[in-house]
Amino acid sequence: MDKDRKAALDSLRLYTLTELEPVLGVSHQTLVRYVKAGKLKAIKVEGKWRVSHENLKAYVNGETSTDTQ
């Protein structure tokens, strides 16, 4: 797979909060608070919060996400 295609697929990847708990080292409830406070941008899909790869990178880097979701 070429580099541009992989980057495009990564940007479409959505993570659940449960998947992010061990990655970020915080509890599920803390992640929900981050989402509700706007610290971590997420969308609800089928009743569960999902975080895009782009928004996860922005959070980890301390940036404001460009994603409007």
PDB file of N, CA and C in Angstrom:
ATOM      1  N   MET A   1       0.853  -1.179   0.000  1.00  0.00           N
ATOM      2  CA  MET A   1       0.000   0.000   0.000  1.00  0.00           C
ATOM      3  C   MET A   1       0.900   1.243   0.000  1.00  0.00           C
ATOM      4  N   ASP A   2       0.597   2.173  -0.892  1.00  0.00           N
ATOM      5  CA  ASP A   2       1.450   3.360  -0.950  1.00  0.00           C
ATOM      6  C   ASP A   2       1.172   4.292   0.233  1.00  0.00           C
ATOM      7  N   LYS A   3       2.108   5.183   0.450  1.00  0.00           N
ATOM      8  CA  LYS A   3       2.079   6.067   1.623  1.00  0.00           C
ATOM      9  C   LYS A   3       0.837   6.962   1.660  1.00  0.00           C
ATOM     10  N   ASP A   4       0.462   7.537   0.499  1.00  0.00           N
ATOM     11  CA  ASP A   4      -0.703   8.432   0.441  1.00  0.00           C
ATOM     12  C   ASP A   4      -1.997   7.688   0.753  1.00  0.00           C
ATOM     13  N   ARG A   5      -2.090   6.473   0.257  1.00  0.00           N
ATOM     14  CA  ARG A   5      -3.302   5.684   0.500  1.00  0.00           C
ATOM     15  C   ARG A   5      -3.423   5.314   1.974  1.00  0.00           C
ATOM     16  N   LYS A   6      -2.303   4.923   2.578  1.00  0.00           N
ATOM     17  CA  LYS A   6      -2.317   4.583   4.003  1.00  0.00           C
ATOM     18  C   LYS A   6      -2.701   5.804   4.837  1.00  0.00           C
ATOM     19  N   ALA A   7      -2.164   6.963   4.503  1.00  0.00           N
ATOM     20  CA  ALA A   7      -2.496   8.191   5.226  1.00  0.00           C
ATOM     21  C   ALA A   7      -3.984   8.504   5.097  1.00  0.00           C
ATOM     22  N   ALA A   8      -4.539   8.296   3.911  1.00  0.00           N
ATOM     23  CA  ALA A   8      -5.963   8.550   3.695  1.00  0.00           C
ATOM     24  C   ALA A   8      -6.815   7.592   4.526  1.00  0.00           C
ATOM     25  N   LEU A   9      -6.426   6.326   4.572  1.00  0.00           N
ATOM     26  CA  LEU A   9      -7.171   5.354   5.370  1.00  0.00           C
ATOM     27  C   LEU A   9      -7.054   5.645   6.858  1.00  0.00           C
ATOM     28  N   ASP A  10      -5.860   6.044   7.308  1.00  0.00           N
ATOM     29  CA  ASP A  10      -5.672   6.398   8.718  1.00  0.00           C
ATOM     30  C   ASP A  10      -6.574   7.552   9.123  1.00  0.00           C
ATOM     31  N   SER A  11      -6.748   8.517   8.227  1.00  0.00           N
ATOM     32  CA  SER A  11      -7.573   9.671   8.570  1.00  0.00           C
ATOM     33  C   SER A  11      -9.045   9.288   8.705  1.00  0.00           C
ATOM     34  N   LEU A  12      -9.448   8.166   8.116  1.00  0.00           N
ATOM     35  CA  LEU A  12     -10.834   7.705   8.205  1.00  0.00           C
ATOM     36  C   LEU A  12     -11.068   6.815   9.421  1.00  0.00           C
ATOM     37  N   ARG A  13     -10.021   6.366  10.058  1.00  0.00           N
ATOM     38  CA  ARG A  13     -10.119   5.446  11.196  1.00  0.00           C
ATOM     39  C   ARG A  13     -10.825   6.124  12.355  1.00  0.00           C
ATOM     40  N   LEU A  14     -11.792   5.410  12.955  1.00  0.00           N
ATOM     41  CA  LEU A  14     -12.501   5.903  14.126  1.00  0.00           C
ATOM     42  C   LEU A  14     -12.231   4.972  15.297  1.00  0.00           C
ATOM     43  N   TYR A  15     -11.907   5.537  16.445  1.00  0.00           N
ATOM     44  CA  TYR A  15     -11.629   4.773  17.658  1.00  0.00           C
ATOM     45  C   TYR A  15     -12.768   4.953  18.648  1.00  0.00           C
ATOM     46  N   THR A  16     -13.096   3.899  19.377  1.00  0.00           N
ATOM     47  CA  THR A  16     -14.053   4.023  20.474  1.00  0.00           C
ATOM     48  C   THR A  16     -13.288   4.542  21.693  1.00  0.00           C
ATOM     49  N   LEU A  17     -14.024   5.066  22.652  1.00  0.00           N
ATOM     50  CA  LEU A  17     -13.375   5.526  23.883  1.00  0.00           C
ATOM     51  C   LEU A  17     -12.733   4.357  24.619  1.00  0.00           C
ATOM     52  N   THR A  18     -13.350   3.189  24.539  1.00  0.00           N
ATOM     53  CA  THR A  18     -12.789   1.997  25.183  1.00  0.00           C
ATOM     54  C   THR A  18     -11.424   1.658  24.591  1.00  0.00           C
ATOM     55  N   GLU A  19     -11.266   1.812  23.285  1.00  0.00           N
ATOM     56  CA  GLU A  19      -9.980   1.561  22.640  1.00  0.00           C
ATOM     57  C   GLU A  19      -8.927   2.580  23.081  1.00  0.00           C
ATOM     58  N   LEU A  20      -9.370   3.791  23.384  1.00  0.00           N
ATOM     59  CA  LEU A  20      -8.432   4.855  23.736  1.00  0.00           C
ATOM     60  C   LEU A  20      -8.019   4.854  25.202  1.00  0.00           C
ATOM     61  N   GLU A  21      -8.778   4.193  26.063  1.00  0.00           N
ATOM     62  CA  GLU A  21      -8.454   4.166  27.499  1.00  0.00           C
ATOM     63  C   GLU A  21      -7.005   3.743  27.752  1.00  0.00           C
ATOM     64  N   PRO A  22      -6.564   2.571  27.262  1.00  0.00           N
ATOM     65  CA  PRO A  22      -5.184   2.166  27.543  1.00  0.00           C
ATOM     66  C   PRO A  22      -4.148   3.008  26.795  1.00  0.00           C
ATOM     67  N   VAL A  23      -4.513   3.526  25.652  1.00  0.00           N
ATOM     68  CA  VAL A  23      -3.586   4.350  24.857  1.00  0.00           C
ATOM     69  C   VAL A  23      -3.276   5.655  25.583  1.00  0.00           C
ATOM     70  N   LEU A  24      -4.323   6.282  26.120  1.00  0.00           N
ATOM     71  CA  LEU A  24      -4.156   7.577  26.786  1.00  0.00           C
ATOM     72  C   LEU A  24      -3.958   7.450  28.292  1.00  0.00           C
ATOM     73  N   GLY A  25      -4.206   6.263  28.834  1.00  0.00           N
ATOM     74  CA  GLY A  25      -3.974   6.030  30.253  1.00  0.00           C
ATOM     75  C   GLY A  25      -4.956   6.724  31.172  1.00  0.00           C
ATOM     76  N   VAL A  26      -6.194   6.876  30.695  1.00  0.00           N
ATOM     77  CA  VAL A  26      -7.243   7.488  31.518  1.00  0.00           C
ATOM     78  C   VAL A  26      -8.478   6.605  31.465  1.00  0.00           C
ATOM     79  N   SER A  27      -9.404   6.843  32.393  1.00  0.00           N
ATOM     80  CA  SER A  27     -10.618   6.032  32.456  1.00  0.00           C
ATOM     81  C   SER A  27     -11.612   6.436  31.366  1.00  0.00           C
ATOM     82  N   HIS A  28     -12.578   5.558  31.158  1.00  0.00           N
ATOM     83  CA  HIS A  28     -13.639   5.830  30.195  1.00  0.00           C
ATOM     84  C   HIS A  28     -14.394   7.104  30.567  1.00  0.00           C
ATOM     85  N   GLN A  29     -14.707   7.237  31.844  1.00  0.00           N
ATOM     86  CA  GLN A  29     -15.449   8.417  32.305  1.00  0.00           C
ATOM     87  C   GLN A  29     -14.647   9.706  32.076  1.00  0.00           C
ATOM     88  N   THR A  30     -13.351   9.650  32.256  1.00  0.00           N
ATOM     89  CA  THR A  30     -12.508  10.822  31.995  1.00  0.00           C
ATOM     90  C   THR A  30     -12.573  11.194  30.517  1.00  0.00           C
ATOM     91  N   LEU A  31     -12.536  10.198  29.636  1.00  0.00           N
ATOM     92  CA  LEU A  31     -12.633  10.473  28.202  1.00  0.00           C
ATOM     93  C   LEU A  31     -13.984  11.094  27.856  1.00  0.00           C
ATOM     94  N   VAL A  32     -15.048  10.611  28.479  1.00  0.00           N
ATOM     95  CA  VAL A  32     -16.370  11.204  28.250  1.00  0.00           C
ATOM     96  C   VAL A  32     -16.358  12.667  28.693  1.00  0.00           C
ATOM     97  N   ARG A  33     -15.748  12.952  29.820  1.00  0.00           N
ATOM     98  CA  ARG A  33     -15.652  14.354  30.291  1.00  0.00           C
ATOM     99  C   ARG A  33     -14.851  15.198  29.299  1.00  0.00           C
ATOM    100  N   TYR A  34     -13.753  14.657  28.769  1.00  0.00           N
ATOM    101  CA  TYR A  34     -12.951  15.385  27.777  1.00  0.00           C
ATOM    102  C   TYR A  34     -13.796  15.711  26.543  1.00  0.00           C
ATOM    103  N   VAL A  35     -14.582  14.735  26.086  1.00  0.00           N
ATOM    104  CA  VAL A  35     -15.428  14.952  24.908  1.00  0.00           C
ATOM    105  C   VAL A  35     -16.461  16.034  25.200  1.00  0.00           C
ATOM    106  N   LYS A  36     -17.137  15.923  26.328  1.00  0.00           N
ATOM    107  CA  LYS A  36     -18.180  16.888  26.673  1.00  0.00           C
ATOM    108  C   LYS A  36     -17.623  18.292  26.898  1.00  0.00           C
ATOM    109  N   ALA A  37     -16.374  18.376  27.362  1.00  0.00           N
ATOM    110  CA  ALA A  37     -15.731  19.672  27.585  1.00  0.00           C
ATOM    111  C   ALA A  37     -15.099  20.232  26.311  1.00  0.00           C
ATOM    112  N   GLY A  38     -15.077  19.433  25.238  1.00  0.00           N
ATOM    113  CA  GLY A  38     -14.485  19.885  23.988  1.00  0.00           C
ATOM    114  C   GLY A  38     -12.979  19.713  23.914  1.00  0.00           C
ATOM    115  N   LYS A  39     -12.384  19.044  24.894  1.00  0.00           N
ATOM    116  CA  LYS A  39     -10.941  18.808  24.872  1.00  0.00           C
ATOM    117  C   LYS A  39     -10.560  17.749  23.843  1.00  0.00           C
ATOM    118  N   LEU A  40     -11.470  16.821  23.609  1.00  0.00           N
ATOM    119  CA  LEU A  40     -11.266  15.737  22.651  1.00  0.00           C
ATOM    120  C   LEU A  40     -12.487  15.703  21.749  1.00  0.00           C
ATOM    121  N   LYS A  41     -12.295  15.973  20.467  1.00  0.00           N
ATOM    122  CA  LYS A  41     -13.411  16.009  19.525  1.00  0.00           C
ATOM    123  C   LYS A  41     -13.845  14.598  19.188  1.00  0.00           C
ATOM    124  N   ALA A  42     -15.146  14.353  19.216  1.00  0.00           N
ATOM    125  CA  ALA A  42     -15.702  13.037  18.929  1.00  0.00           C
ATOM    126  C   ALA A  42     -17.104  13.183  18.355  1.00  0.00           C
ATOM    127  N   ILE A  43     -17.563  12.107  17.734  1.00  0.00           N
ATOM    128  CA  ILE A  43     -18.928  12.047  17.233  1.00  0.00           C
ATOM    129  C   ILE A  43     -19.587  10.793  17.801  1.00  0.00           C
ATOM    130  N   LYS A  44     -20.899  10.783  17.831  1.00  0.00           N
ATOM    131  CA  LYS A  44     -21.620   9.598  18.281  1.00  0.00           C
ATOM    132  C   LYS A  44     -22.051   8.795  17.060  1.00  0.00           C
ATOM    133  N   VAL A  45     -21.709   7.522  17.073  1.00  0.00           N
ATOM    134  CA  VAL A  45     -22.111   6.594  16.027  1.00  0.00           C
ATOM    135  C   VAL A  45     -22.780   5.416  16.720  1.00  0.00           C
ATOM    136  N   GLU A  46     -24.037   5.189  16.400  1.00  0.00           N
ATOM    137  CA  GLU A  46     -24.810   4.111  17.012  1.00  0.00           C
ATOM    138  C   GLU A  46     -24.743   4.157  18.539  1.00  0.00           C
ATOM    139  N   GLY A  47     -24.815   5.366  19.082  1.00  0.00           N
ATOM    140  CA  GLY A  47     -24.863   5.552  20.527  1.00  0.00           C
ATOM    141  C   GLY A  47     -23.531   5.511  21.249  1.00  0.00           C
ATOM    142  N   LYS A  48     -22.435   5.356  20.513  1.00  0.00           N
ATOM    143  CA  LYS A  48     -21.115   5.309  21.151  1.00  0.00           C
ATOM    144  C   LYS A  48     -20.236   6.420  20.586  1.00  0.00           C
ATOM    145  N   TRP A  49     -19.444   7.021  21.472  1.00  0.00           N
ATOM    146  CA  TRP A  49     -18.519   8.059  21.036  1.00  0.00           C
ATOM    147  C   TRP A  49     -17.417   7.451  20.189  1.00  0.00           C
ATOM    148  N   ARG A  50     -17.056   8.141  19.098  1.00  0.00           N
ATOM    149  CA  ARG A  50     -15.959   7.734  18.215  1.00  0.00           C
ATOM    150  C   ARG A  50     -15.056   8.934  17.989  1.00  0.00           C
ATOM    151  N   VAL A  51     -13.759   8.663  17.977  1.00  0.00           N
ATOM    152  CA  VAL A  51     -12.757   9.708  17.795  1.00  0.00           C
ATOM    153  C   VAL A  51     -11.976   9.387  16.526  1.00  0.00           C
ATOM    154  N   SER A  52     -11.880  10.357  15.631  1.00  0.00           N
ATOM    155  CA  SER A  52     -11.127  10.137  14.399  1.00  0.00           C
ATOM    156  C   SER A  52      -9.627  10.120  14.699  1.00  0.00           C
ATOM    157  N   HIS A  53      -8.891   9.492  13.811  1.00  0.00           N
ATOM    158  CA  HIS A  53      -7.432   9.439  13.949  1.00  0.00           C
ATOM    159  C   HIS A  53      -6.858  10.858  13.988  1.00  0.00           C
ATOM    160  N   GLU A  54      -7.399  11.709  13.145  1.00  0.00           N
ATOM    161  CA  GLU A  54      -6.946  13.107  13.086  1.00  0.00           C
ATOM    162  C   GLU A  54      -7.185  13.819  14.420  1.00  0.00           C
ATOM    163  N   ASN A  55      -8.363  13.618  15.011  1.00  0.00           N
ATOM    164  CA  ASN A  55      -8.674  14.267  16.282  1.00  0.00           C
ATOM    165  C   ASN A  55      -7.856  13.689  17.431  1.00  0.00           C
ATOM    166  N   LEU A  56      -7.558  12.391  17.372  1.00  0.00           N
ATOM    167  CA  LEU A  56      -6.693  11.778  18.385  1.00  0.00           C
ATOM    168  C   LEU A  56      -5.295  12.382  18.313  1.00  0.00           C
ATOM    169  N   LYS A  57      -4.757  12.505  17.101  1.00  0.00           N
ATOM    170  CA  LYS A  57      -3.428  13.117  16.942  1.00  0.00           C
ATOM    171  C   LYS A  57      -3.431  14.551  17.446  1.00  0.00           C
ATOM    172  N   ALA A  58      -4.483  15.299  17.134  1.00  0.00           N
ATOM    173  CA  ALA A  58      -4.571  16.691  17.581  1.00  0.00           C
ATOM    174  C   ALA A  58      -4.588  16.764  19.105  1.00  0.00           C
ATOM    175  N   TYR A  59      -5.346  15.891  19.754  1.00  0.00           N
ATOM    176  CA  TYR A  59      -5.409  15.873  21.215  1.00  0.00           C
ATOM    177  C   TYR A  59      -4.037  15.547  21.809  1.00  0.00           C
ATOM    178  N   VAL A  60      -3.408  14.504  21.288  1.00  0.00           N
ATOM    179  CA  VAL A  60      -2.098  14.077  21.806  1.00  0.00           C
ATOM    180  C   VAL A  60      -1.058  15.183  21.637  1.00  0.00           C
ATOM    181  N   ASN A  61      -1.158  15.921  20.539  1.00  0.00           N
ATOM    182  CA  ASN A  61      -0.209  17.010  20.269  1.00  0.00           C
ATOM    183  C   ASN A  61      -0.606  18.326  20.926  1.00  0.00           C
ATOM    184  N   GLY A  62      -1.717  18.315  21.657  1.00  0.00           N
ATOM    185  CA  GLY A  62      -2.166  19.525  22.339  1.00  0.00           C
ATOM    186  C   GLY A  62      -2.711  20.581  21.401  1.00  0.00           C
ATOM    187  N   GLU A  63      -3.149  20.157  20.221  1.00  0.00           N
ATOM    188  CA  GLU A  63      -3.647  21.098  19.222  1.00  0.00           C
ATOM    189  C   GLU A  63      -5.170  21.122  19.231  1.00  0.00           C
ATOM    190  N   THR A  64      -5.715  22.148  18.623  1.00  0.00           N
ATOM    191  CA  THR A  64      -7.157  22.206  18.382  1.00  0.00           C
ATOM    192  C   THR A  64      -7.402  21.505  17.067  1.00  0.00           C
ATOM    193  N   SER A  65      -8.337  20.583  17.056  1.00  0.00           N
ATOM    194  CA  SER A  65      -8.613  19.816  15.850  1.00  0.00           C
ATOM    195  C   SER A  65      -9.263  20.682  14.785  1.00  0.00           C
ATOM    196  N   THR A  66      -8.984  20.355  13.545  1.00  0.00           N
ATOM    197  CA  THR A  66      -9.626  21.041  12.423  1.00  0.00           C
ATOM    198  C   THR A  66     -10.915  20.341  12.024  1.00  0.00           C
ATOM    199  N   ASP A  67     -11.131  19.160  12.582  1.00  0.00           N
ATOM    200  CA  ASP A  67     -12.343  18.388  12.317  1.00  0.00           C
ATOM    201  C   ASP A  67     -13.523  19.090  12.962  1.00  0.00           C
ATOM    202  N   THR A  68     -14.627  19.200  12.258  1.00  0.00           N
ATOM    203  CA  THR A  68     -15.801  19.866  12.809  1.00  0.00           C
ATOM    204  C   THR A  68     -16.705  18.887  13.517  1.00  0.00           C
ATOM    205  N   GLN A  69     -16.348  17.627  13.554  1.00  0.00           N
ATOM    206  CA  GLN A  69     -17.207  16.611  14.163  1.00  0.00           C
ATOM    207  C   GLN A  69     -16.920  16.465  15.609  1.00  0.00           C
TER     208      GLN A  69
END
